[in-house]
Amino acid sequence: MKRLQSLDFMRGFIMVLLALESTGLFEHLFKASENNFLNNFFLQFFHHPWNGLRFWDLIQPAFMFMAGVAMAYSLHQQKQAGLSWNQSFLKTLKRCGWLFFWGVLDYAVRPKGLSFELWDVLTQLSFTTLVAFLVFEWKTIYQIFFCIGLLVLTEYLYRFTQVPGFDQAFVDQHNFGNYIDTILMHQINKGGWVAINCIPTAVHTIAGAMVGKLFLAEQKGIVKQLFAAAFICLLIGYGLDGIGITPIIKRIATSSFTAASLGWCILGLCFCYWWIDLLNHRKFLLFFRVVGMNSLFIYLFFEIVGARWFNEYIGHISNGLLSLFSTATLLNQIISSLVIFSLEWGICYFLYQKKIFFKI
């Protein structure tokens, strides 16, 4: 089975961006570019406050989409190794359990004590992975209808489930997703994120698995098929938003957002596949690959270790040394962020060299 190099690149690219974001680099660059044309460019590295779509809103969908593509390859290998459906199901169930555990742990430790929250991407992925596995063997047309059903269900829940105080479908803090969070976690996310995003975003993982099977089939015309699928998704997503039916809102993963973001994900992988696997461009691939092949490790590292200790510790050392040269504070912060990322990349490179890969 030929390895999909574009998958390695795209997964690594996503993780590199997330690692850079965790260092605060984008915030520093956005602040540094306040009075020039680059400010709007760096604005794309922040989530849209509500109705709209920025580049950064595509990161989580791409993360889940890539997980679906990787799942197709993993299940194909398991089948070749002689594993039954029940054995693969147990492996997937175990993986989902660990994803849920790490996702909850990521948000569990707060300054005021322990907290139970279900907004982390790993928690969401634990649900979408299980759903994608359960429909993996279905015919393509049935999977497509199932995905449509998930989006229709999302529309119904937000529009027609009338709960006092939470009956405004697409209004922050007053929608059905917020209501479910009060039941599950006894709190509402101030940023507007909701736990039931896992329902519509299961479409990203299912679609990724479908695309993975398409690559495994090694049929001709894959690029054209992917481009056509991406165009349809983008048309549906932006069309629903444009004519005022369903607004594109990432924070509650509306159906229009799910369709539009899926279109961009497919288009991104389509380009990477054409450029890397078909045209054989491999320059700088290793830089992203070493991060992508330990995606779970580096994500948990910068989310838990980095956010709670590593970033601040390295930042103090870096800023202290830079202060000897009387450099500007903002420049110090940018350099410190790059130093933190370089060290994290170095850890991934060390693991890659030693062939140590953290998987669940």
Protein backbone atom coordinates (compact mmCIF):
# COMPACT_ATOMS: atom_id res chain seq x y z
CA MET A 1 0.00 0.00 0.00
CA LYS A 2 1.53 3.27 -1.15
CA ARG A 3 1.87 5.88 1.60
CA LEU A 4 -0.12 9.07 1.02
CA GLN A 5 2.58 11.73 1.38
CA SER A 6 0.06 14.57 1.06
CA LEU A 7 -1.74 13.26 4.16
CA ASP A 8 1.50 13.40 6.14
CA PHE A 9 2.11 16.94 4.94
CA MET A 10 -1.38 18.26 5.56
CA ARG A 11 -1.60 16.70 9.03
CA GLY A 12 1.83 18.11 9.87
CA PHE A 13 0.90 21.51 8.45
CA ILE A 14 -2.17 21.66 10.70
CA MET A 15 -0.17 20.65 13.78
CA VAL A 16 2.57 23.19 13.04
CA LEU A 17 -0.03 25.95 12.84
CA LEU A 18 -1.62 24.81 16.12
CA ALA A 19 1.78 24.66 17.80
CA LEU A 20 2.64 28.17 16.59
CA GLU A 21 -0.72 29.44 17.81
CA SER A 22 -0.10 27.92 21.25
CA THR A 23 3.08 29.99 21.60
CA GLY A 24 1.11 33.23 21.12
CA LEU A 25 2.96 34.02 17.88
CA PHE A 26 -0.12 35.04 15.90
CA GLU A 27 -1.25 37.41 18.65
CA HIS A 28 2.16 39.08 18.67
CA LEU A 29 2.25 39.38 14.87
CA PHE A 30 -1.29 40.76 14.78
CA LYS A 31 -0.34 43.40 17.34
CA ALA A 32 2.90 44.22 15.51
CA SER A 33 1.03 44.79 12.23
CA GLU A 34 -1.67 47.10 13.63
CA ASN A 35 -0.90 49.97 11.28
CA ASN A 36 -0.14 48.17 8.02
CA PHE A 37 -1.74 45.94 5.40
CA LEU A 38 -0.54 42.72 7.07
CA ASN A 39 -3.00 43.24 9.90
CA ASN A 40 -5.89 41.82 7.87
CA PHE A 41 -3.72 38.85 6.90
CA PHE A 42 -2.91 37.98 10.52
CA LEU A 43 -6.57 38.49 11.42
CA GLN A 44 -7.19 35.25 9.52
CA PHE A 45 -5.37 33.37 12.30
CA PHE A 46 -8.17 34.06 14.77
CA HIS A 47 -11.66 32.55 14.89
CA HIS A 48 -14.46 34.66 13.50
CA PRO A 49 -16.48 36.11 16.41
CA TRP A 50 -19.74 34.69 15.01
CA ASN A 51 -21.26 34.79 11.51
CA GLY A 52 -18.46 34.43 8.98
CA LEU A 53 -15.53 32.26 8.02
CA ARG A 54 -11.83 32.89 8.47
CA PHE A 55 -8.86 30.66 7.71
CA TRP A 56 -8.45 29.66 11.38
CA ASP A 57 -12.02 28.35 11.45
CA LEU A 58 -10.88 25.61 9.06
CA ILE A 59 -8.22 24.14 11.36
CA GLN A 60 -10.48 21.93 13.50
CA PRO A 61 -12.51 20.67 10.50
CA ALA A 62 -9.24 19.83 8.75
CA PHE A 63 -8.02 18.04 11.88
CA MET A 64 -11.16 15.88 11.92
CA PHE A 65 -11.13 15.40 8.15
CA MET A 66 -7.51 14.17 8.23
CA ALA A 67 -8.42 11.78 11.05
CA GLY A 68 -11.05 10.28 8.76
CA VAL A 69 -8.59 9.85 5.88
CA ALA A 70 -6.08 8.20 8.23
CA MET A 71 -8.85 5.94 9.56
CA ALA A 72 -9.49 4.56 6.08
CA TYR A 73 -5.83 3.58 5.76
CA SER A 74 -5.72 2.12 9.27
CA LEU A 75 -8.83 -0.01 8.75
CA HIS A 76 -7.49 -1.17 5.39
CA GLN A 77 -4.29 -2.36 7.10
CA GLN A 78 -6.29 -4.10 9.81
CA LYS A 79 -8.36 -5.90 7.20
CA GLN A 80 -5.23 -7.03 5.37
CA ALA A 81 -3.85 -8.30 8.68
CA GLY A 82 -6.93 -10.48 9.08
CA LEU A 83 -8.73 -8.58 11.84
CA SER A 84 -12.48 -9.12 12.00
CA TRP A 85 -15.02 -6.28 12.19
CA ASN A 86 -15.49 -6.97 15.90
CA GLN A 87 -11.75 -6.73 16.55
CA SER A 88 -11.49 -3.46 14.62
CA PHE A 89 -14.52 -2.15 16.49
CA LEU A 90 -12.88 -2.87 19.85
CA LYS A 91 -9.67 -1.15 18.72
CA THR A 92 -11.67 1.87 17.57
CA LEU A 93 -13.70 1.91 20.79
CA LYS A 94 -10.50 1.86 22.82
CA ARG A 95 -9.04 4.68 20.74
CA CYS A 96 -12.20 6.75 21.17
CA GLY A 97 -12.10 6.16 24.91
CA TRP A 98 -8.54 7.47 25.11
CA LEU A 99 -9.37 10.46 22.91
CA PHE A 100 -12.25 11.30 25.23
CA PHE A 101 -10.02 10.92 28.29
CA TRP A 102 -7.27 13.19 26.96
CA GLY A 103 -9.80 15.71 25.69
CA VAL A 104 -11.44 15.99 29.11
CA LEU A 105 -8.07 16.07 30.86
CA ASP A 106 -6.90 18.92 28.64
CA TYR A 107 -9.62 21.20 30.03
CA ALA A 108 -9.91 19.58 33.47
CA VAL A 109 -7.26 21.47 35.43
CA ARG A 110 -8.21 25.10 36.01
CA PRO A 111 -6.78 27.71 38.42
CA LYS A 112 -9.95 27.45 40.49
CA GLY A 113 -9.92 23.66 40.57
CA LEU A 114 -11.06 20.72 38.45
CA SER A 115 -13.60 21.18 35.67
CA PHE A 116 -15.55 18.82 33.41
CA GLU A 117 -15.74 20.27 29.89
CA LEU A 118 -16.48 18.71 26.50
CA TRP A 119 -15.32 21.41 24.09
CA ASP A 120 -11.86 20.07 23.27
CA VAL A 121 -11.24 18.83 19.73
CA LEU A 122 -10.15 15.40 21.05
CA THR A 123 -13.43 14.99 22.91
CA GLN A 124 -15.31 15.88 19.75
CA LEU A 125 -13.11 13.55 17.71
CA SER A 126 -13.84 10.63 20.04
CA PHE A 127 -17.50 10.84 18.96
CA THR A 128 -16.94 11.56 15.27
CA THR A 129 -14.40 8.71 14.97
CA LEU A 130 -16.84 6.19 16.39
CA VAL A 131 -19.64 7.36 14.09
CA ALA A 132 -17.33 7.26 11.06
CA PHE A 133 -16.29 3.71 11.91
CA LEU A 134 -19.86 2.49 12.29
CA VAL A 135 -20.80 3.67 8.78
CA PHE A 136 -17.41 2.96 7.18
CA GLU A 137 -18.53 -0.18 5.32
CA TRP A 138 -21.69 1.40 3.96
CA LYS A 139 -22.01 2.22 0.29
CA THR A 140 -20.93 5.74 -0.63
CA ILE A 141 -24.44 6.91 -1.46
CA TYR A 142 -25.73 5.74 1.93
CA GLN A 143 -22.89 7.53 3.70
CA ILE A 144 -23.73 10.73 1.83
CA PHE A 145 -27.38 10.47 2.85
CA PHE A 146 -26.31 9.78 6.43
CA CYS A 147 -24.18 12.94 6.42
CA ILE A 148 -27.12 14.93 5.06
CA GLY A 149 -29.24 13.43 7.83
CA LEU A 150 -26.78 14.65 10.48
CA LEU A 151 -26.98 18.19 9.08
CA VAL A 152 -30.78 18.04 8.88
CA LEU A 153 -30.87 16.82 12.49
CA THR A 154 -28.68 19.78 13.50
CA GLU A 155 -31.01 22.20 11.74
CA TYR A 156 -34.03 20.65 13.47
CA LEU A 157 -32.49 20.75 16.94
CA TYR A 158 -31.58 24.42 16.65
CA ARG A 159 -34.73 25.61 14.90
CA PHE A 160 -37.55 23.58 16.39
CA THR A 161 -36.53 22.55 19.91
CA GLN A 162 -38.16 25.36 21.83
CA VAL A 163 -36.61 25.68 25.28
CA PRO A 164 -37.36 28.92 27.18
CA GLY A 165 -34.26 31.09 27.14
CA PHE A 166 -32.60 28.88 24.52
CA ASP A 167 -35.03 29.21 21.63
CA GLN A 168 -33.05 31.57 19.40
CA ALA A 169 -31.51 29.24 16.83
CA PHE A 170 -28.40 31.17 15.86
CA VAL A 171 -27.97 33.62 18.74
CA ASP A 172 -24.93 33.24 20.99
CA GLN A 173 -25.69 32.07 24.55
CA HIS A 174 -29.37 31.48 23.70
CA ASN A 175 -29.36 28.49 21.35
CA PHE A 176 -30.07 24.79 21.74
CA GLY A 177 -26.37 23.91 21.95
CA ASN A 178 -25.96 26.21 24.95
CA TYR A 179 -28.95 24.52 26.59
CA ILE A 180 -27.43 21.04 26.19
CA ASP A 181 -24.21 22.31 27.76
CA THR A 182 -26.13 23.38 30.86
CA ILE A 183 -27.33 19.77 31.14
CA LEU A 184 -23.99 18.10 30.40
CA MET A 185 -21.63 20.51 32.15
CA HIS A 186 -23.84 22.93 34.10
CA GLN A 187 -22.21 25.84 32.31
CA ILE A 188 -22.15 27.74 29.03
CA ASN A 189 -18.95 28.51 27.17
CA LYS A 190 -18.39 32.27 27.09
CA GLY A 191 -16.96 31.97 23.60
CA GLY A 192 -20.10 30.32 22.28
CA TRP A 193 -18.64 26.85 21.68
CA VAL A 194 -21.02 23.93 22.23
CA ALA A 195 -20.48 20.22 22.88
CA ILE A 196 -23.04 19.03 20.32
CA ASN A 197 -20.78 20.34 17.56
CA CYS A 198 -19.73 16.70 17.42
CA ILE A 199 -22.99 15.86 15.63
CA PRO A 200 -22.57 17.99 12.49
CA THR A 201 -18.76 17.75 12.47
CA ALA A 202 -19.00 13.96 12.32
CA VAL A 203 -19.57 14.78 8.64
CA HIS A 204 -15.94 15.93 8.40
CA THR A 205 -14.59 12.61 9.70
CA ILE A 206 -16.99 10.50 7.64
CA ALA A 207 -16.11 12.48 4.51
CA GLY A 208 -12.42 12.05 5.29
CA ALA A 209 -12.87 8.28 5.50
CA MET A 210 -14.74 8.32 2.19
CA VAL A 211 -11.90 10.26 0.56
CA GLY A 212 -9.39 7.83 2.11
CA LYS A 213 -11.19 4.89 0.50
CA LEU A 214 -11.11 6.76 -2.80
CA PHE A 215 -7.32 7.03 -2.58
CA LEU A 216 -7.00 3.37 -1.60
CA ALA A 217 -8.99 2.37 -4.69
CA GLU A 218 -6.34 4.18 -6.81
CA GLN A 219 -8.87 5.12 -9.44
CA LYS A 220 -8.04 7.56 -12.21
CA GLY A 221 -9.47 11.05 -12.10
CA ILE A 222 -9.32 11.40 -8.30
CA VAL A 223 -8.35 15.07 -8.51
CA LYS A 224 -11.38 15.87 -10.68
CA GLN A 225 -13.71 13.95 -8.35
CA LEU A 226 -12.35 15.75 -5.28
CA PHE A 227 -12.53 19.12 -6.99
CA ALA A 228 -16.16 18.49 -7.97
CA ALA A 229 -17.04 17.39 -4.41
CA ALA A 230 -15.32 20.47 -2.96
CA PHE A 231 -17.18 22.77 -5.35
CA ILE A 232 -20.55 21.26 -4.39
CA CYS A 233 -19.83 21.60 -0.66
CA LEU A 234 -18.67 25.21 -1.03
CA LEU A 235 -21.72 26.04 -3.14
CA ILE A 236 -24.08 24.56 -0.54
CA GLY A 237 -22.32 26.15 2.43
CA TYR A 238 -21.94 29.67 1.07
CA GLY A 239 -25.29 29.40 -0.70
CA LEU A 240 -27.20 28.68 2.51
CA ASP A 241 -25.47 31.62 4.16
CA GLY A 242 -25.77 33.96 1.20
CA ILE A 243 -29.52 33.60 0.73
CA GLY A 244 -30.17 33.88 4.46
CA ILE A 245 -31.30 30.35 5.28
CA THR A 246 -28.54 29.23 7.66
CA PRO A 247 -25.64 31.49 8.64
CA ILE A 248 -22.08 30.20 8.61
CA ILE A 249 -21.17 29.98 12.31
CA LYS A 250 -18.14 27.94 13.32
CA ARG A 251 -18.78 28.13 17.07
CA ILE A 252 -21.98 26.09 16.81
CA ALA A 253 -21.01 24.26 13.61
CA THR A 254 -24.10 25.16 11.59
CA SER A 255 -24.87 23.03 8.55
CA SER A 256 -23.70 25.82 6.23
CA PHE A 257 -20.40 26.06 8.11
CA THR A 258 -19.94 22.28 8.03
CA ALA A 259 -20.52 22.15 4.27
CA ALA A 260 -18.33 25.17 3.46
CA SER A 261 -15.46 24.08 5.71
CA LEU A 262 -15.62 20.55 4.30
CA GLY A 263 -15.34 22.01 0.81
CA TRP A 264 -12.17 23.87 1.77
CA CYS A 265 -10.74 20.75 3.45
CA ILE A 266 -11.33 18.62 0.37
CA LEU A 267 -9.90 21.35 -1.86
CA GLY A 268 -6.81 21.62 0.35
CA LEU A 269 -6.14 17.88 0.28
CA CYS A 270 -6.87 17.81 -3.46
CA PHE A 271 -4.17 20.43 -4.09
CA CYS A 272 -1.68 18.73 -1.75
CA TYR A 273 -2.28 15.35 -3.43
CA TRP A 274 -1.78 16.86 -6.89
CA TRP A 275 1.34 18.79 -5.87
CA ILE A 276 3.04 16.18 -3.65
CA ASP A 277 1.87 12.70 -4.70
CA LEU A 278 1.29 13.29 -8.41
CA LEU A 279 3.92 15.90 -9.26
CA ASN A 280 6.32 14.46 -6.66
CA HIS A 281 7.27 17.74 -4.97
CA ARG A 282 8.82 16.69 -1.64
CA LYS A 283 10.85 19.75 -0.64
CA PHE A 284 10.40 20.71 3.04
CA LEU A 285 8.07 17.74 3.56
CA LEU A 286 10.21 16.40 6.42
CA PHE A 287 9.73 19.63 8.40
CA PHE A 288 5.98 19.01 8.59
CA ARG A 289 6.12 15.23 8.59
CA VAL A 290 8.06 14.94 11.86
CA VAL A 291 5.28 16.90 13.59
CA GLY A 292 2.38 15.23 11.81
CA MET A 293 3.56 11.71 12.63
CA ASN A 294 3.40 12.53 16.35
CA SER A 295 0.32 14.74 16.15
CA LEU A 296 -1.30 13.43 19.34
CA PHE A 297 1.89 13.85 21.36
CA ILE A 298 2.64 17.40 20.24
CA TYR A 299 -0.99 18.47 20.66
CA LEU A 300 -1.12 17.24 24.26
CA PHE A 301 2.35 18.66 24.90
CA PHE A 302 1.59 22.25 23.90
CA GLU A 303 -1.96 22.11 25.29
CA ILE A 304 -1.06 20.73 28.72
CA VAL A 305 2.68 21.07 29.34
CA GLY A 306 3.23 24.11 27.15
CA ALA A 307 0.24 26.15 28.30
CA ARG A 308 0.78 25.40 31.99
CA TRP A 309 4.58 25.56 32.33
CA PHE A 310 6.89 25.16 29.31
CA ASN A 311 5.94 28.32 27.40
CA GLU A 312 6.30 30.59 30.41
CA TYR A 313 9.56 28.99 31.53
CA ILE A 314 11.24 29.20 28.11
CA GLY A 315 9.78 32.68 27.63
CA HIS A 316 11.46 33.93 30.80
CA ILE A 317 14.82 32.55 29.66
CA SER A 318 14.47 33.95 26.13
CA ASN A 319 13.25 37.38 27.25
CA GLY A 320 15.99 37.54 29.86
CA LEU A 321 18.71 36.91 27.30
CA LEU A 322 17.18 39.28 24.75
CA SER A 323 16.93 42.05 27.33
CA LEU A 324 20.73 42.18 27.28
CA PHE A 325 20.48 43.57 23.75
CA SER A 326 17.75 46.11 24.63
CA THR A 327 15.39 44.83 21.95
CA ALA A 328 11.78 46.00 21.82
CA THR A 329 9.28 44.10 23.99
CA LEU A 330 7.11 43.01 21.05
CA LEU A 331 10.14 41.73 19.15
CA ASN A 332 11.20 39.80 22.26
CA GLN A 333 7.78 38.16 22.40
CA ILE A 334 7.90 37.14 18.73
CA ILE A 335 11.38 35.67 19.10
CA SER A 336 10.36 33.86 22.30
CA SER A 337 7.40 32.29 20.52
CA LEU A 338 9.68 31.07 17.73
CA VAL A 339 12.16 29.69 20.27
CA ILE A 340 9.36 27.76 22.04
CA PHE A 341 8.15 26.34 18.74
CA SER A 342 11.69 25.41 17.68
CA LEU A 343 12.17 23.43 20.88
CA GLU A 344 8.83 21.65 20.40
CA TRP A 345 9.74 20.83 16.81
CA GLY A 346 13.11 19.57 18.03
CA ILE A 347 11.38 17.19 20.44
CA CYS A 348 9.27 15.85 17.55
CA TYR A 349 12.38 15.47 15.40
CA PHE A 350 14.15 13.54 18.17
CA LEU A 351 11.16 11.19 18.47
CA TYR A 352 11.05 10.82 14.68
CA GLN A 353 14.76 9.93 14.56
CA LYS A 354 14.29 7.36 17.32
CA LYS A 355 11.16 6.01 15.56
CA ILE A 356 9.04 6.73 18.63
CA PHE A 357 5.46 7.44 17.64
CA PHE A 358 2.70 7.96 20.21
CA LYS A 359 -0.53 6.30 19.10
CA ILE A 360 -3.73 5.16 20.78
